[in-house]
């Protein structure tokens, strides 16, 4: 799912000799744990591409700096939030509560019906 497109783009994945595992395997395993992780995987791959080294290698160092698959999006969300003006930050929780509710069954975020 990610190896062939990366190879076609001239990119390689870093390999951790201590764990004897490639970054592509780590990413695959993270996405395989949950089908909902695919958008997170896509975002992480984009961030890894932006941080690739001069040889076109997607590195474990960049992956760790991003905080992994889940951390990459969380880190970006924090950056965007920090860039908002104070008045916008103040009303954002109310806006989000209007758009999303938390399911009592499993604590999952669920969109609200807006109609």
Protein backbone atom coordinates (compact mmCIF):
# COMPACT_ATOMS: atom_id res chain seq x y z
CA UNK A 1 0.00 0.00 0.00
CA UNK A 2 2.88 2.41 0.67
CA UNK A 3 6.00 0.70 -0.63
CA UNK A 4 5.28 0.77 -4.36
CA UNK A 5 4.11 4.40 -4.48
CA UNK A 6 7.15 5.43 -2.45
CA UNK A 7 9.49 3.50 -4.76
CA UNK A 8 7.81 5.05 -7.82
CA UNK A 9 8.50 8.48 -6.29
CA UNK A 10 12.15 7.55 -5.74
CA UNK A 11 11.78 7.32 -1.97
CA UNK A 12 13.12 4.73 0.44
CA UNK A 13 12.19 3.82 3.99
CA UNK A 14 14.70 3.89 6.83
CA UNK A 15 15.62 0.61 8.52
CA UNK A 16 16.28 0.23 12.24
CA UNK A 17 19.03 -2.36 12.60
CA UNK A 18 18.47 -2.78 16.36
CA UNK A 19 14.81 -3.67 15.91
CA UNK A 20 15.49 -5.23 12.49
CA UNK A 21 12.43 -3.44 11.17
CA UNK A 22 11.83 -0.97 8.38
CA UNK A 23 9.84 2.21 8.80
CA UNK A 24 7.45 0.92 6.15
CA UNK A 25 6.73 -2.10 8.38
CA UNK A 26 6.11 0.16 11.38
CA UNK A 27 3.71 2.29 9.34
CA UNK A 28 1.94 -0.79 7.98
CA UNK A 29 1.48 -2.20 11.47
CA UNK A 30 0.13 1.11 12.77
CA UNK A 31 -2.44 1.24 9.99
CA UNK A 32 -3.36 -2.43 10.30
CA UNK A 33 -4.32 -1.98 13.95
CA UNK A 34 -7.31 0.14 13.00
CA UNK A 35 -9.06 0.88 9.70
CA UNK A 36 -9.71 4.39 11.02
CA UNK A 37 -5.95 4.95 10.98
CA UNK A 38 -5.73 5.28 7.19
CA UNK A 39 -6.24 9.08 7.16
CA UNK A 40 -3.65 9.33 9.95
CA UNK A 41 -1.27 7.20 7.89
CA UNK A 42 -1.77 9.44 4.87
CA UNK A 43 -1.05 12.55 6.93
CA UNK A 44 2.01 10.95 8.52
CA UNK A 45 3.39 9.92 5.14
CA UNK A 46 2.95 13.48 3.90
CA UNK A 47 4.82 14.81 6.93
CA UNK A 48 7.56 12.21 6.49
CA UNK A 49 7.88 13.20 2.85
CA UNK A 50 8.33 16.84 3.86
CA UNK A 51 11.03 15.77 6.34
CA UNK A 52 12.81 13.29 4.03
CA UNK A 53 16.58 13.41 3.99
CA UNK A 54 18.73 14.50 1.06
CA UNK A 55 18.80 10.93 -0.29
CA UNK A 56 14.99 10.68 -0.36
CA UNK A 57 14.79 8.46 2.71
CA UNK A 58 11.80 8.65 5.04
CA UNK A 59 13.57 8.35 8.39
CA UNK A 60 12.86 6.96 11.82
CA UNK A 61 14.22 10.20 13.30
CA UNK A 62 11.51 12.20 11.53
CA UNK A 63 8.88 9.61 12.50
CA UNK A 64 9.88 9.89 16.16
CA UNK A 65 9.89 13.71 16.02
CA UNK A 66 6.36 13.58 14.64
CA UNK A 67 5.25 11.33 17.49
CA UNK A 68 4.31 8.40 15.30
CA UNK A 69 1.11 8.02 13.32
CA UNK A 70 -1.19 9.46 15.99
CA UNK A 71 1.26 12.04 17.23
CA UNK A 72 1.78 13.58 13.78
CA UNK A 73 -1.79 14.85 13.56
CA UNK A 74 -1.91 15.85 17.22
CA UNK A 75 1.27 17.88 16.79
CA UNK A 76 -0.13 19.63 13.71
CA UNK A 77 -3.41 20.35 15.50
CA UNK A 78 -1.50 21.95 18.37
CA UNK A 79 0.45 24.11 15.90
CA UNK A 80 -2.75 25.28 14.20
CA UNK A 81 -4.47 25.93 17.53
CA UNK A 82 -1.49 27.96 18.79
CA UNK A 83 -1.66 30.07 15.64
CA UNK A 84 -5.28 31.07 16.23
CA UNK A 85 -6.13 34.42 17.71
CA UNK A 86 -7.20 34.41 21.37
CA UNK A 87 -10.87 35.18 20.56
CA UNK A 88 -11.02 32.25 18.12
CA UNK A 89 -9.33 29.91 20.63
CA UNK A 90 -11.89 30.98 23.22
CA UNK A 91 -14.91 29.98 21.12
CA UNK A 92 -13.40 26.85 19.53
CA UNK A 93 -14.47 24.43 22.31
CA UNK A 94 -18.09 25.57 21.94
CA UNK A 95 -17.95 25.15 18.15
CA UNK A 96 -16.44 21.67 18.44
CA UNK A 97 -19.07 20.61 20.97
CA UNK A 98 -21.74 21.72 18.48
CA UNK A 99 -20.17 19.56 15.75
CA UNK A 100 -19.11 16.46 17.67
CA UNK A 101 -20.44 14.45 20.57
CA UNK A 102 -18.74 11.67 22.50
CA UNK A 103 -20.46 8.30 22.37
CA UNK A 104 -21.25 7.00 25.84
CA UNK A 105 -20.88 3.43 24.62
CA UNK A 106 -17.21 3.60 23.70
CA UNK A 107 -15.98 7.21 24.13
CA UNK A 108 -15.69 7.59 20.35
CA UNK A 109 -16.17 10.99 18.74
CA UNK A 110 -19.35 11.01 16.67
CA UNK A 111 -20.60 13.82 14.43
CA UNK A 112 -23.81 15.47 15.47
CA UNK A 113 -26.81 15.59 13.17
CA UNK A 114 -26.90 19.20 12.07
CA UNK A 115 -30.28 19.01 10.36
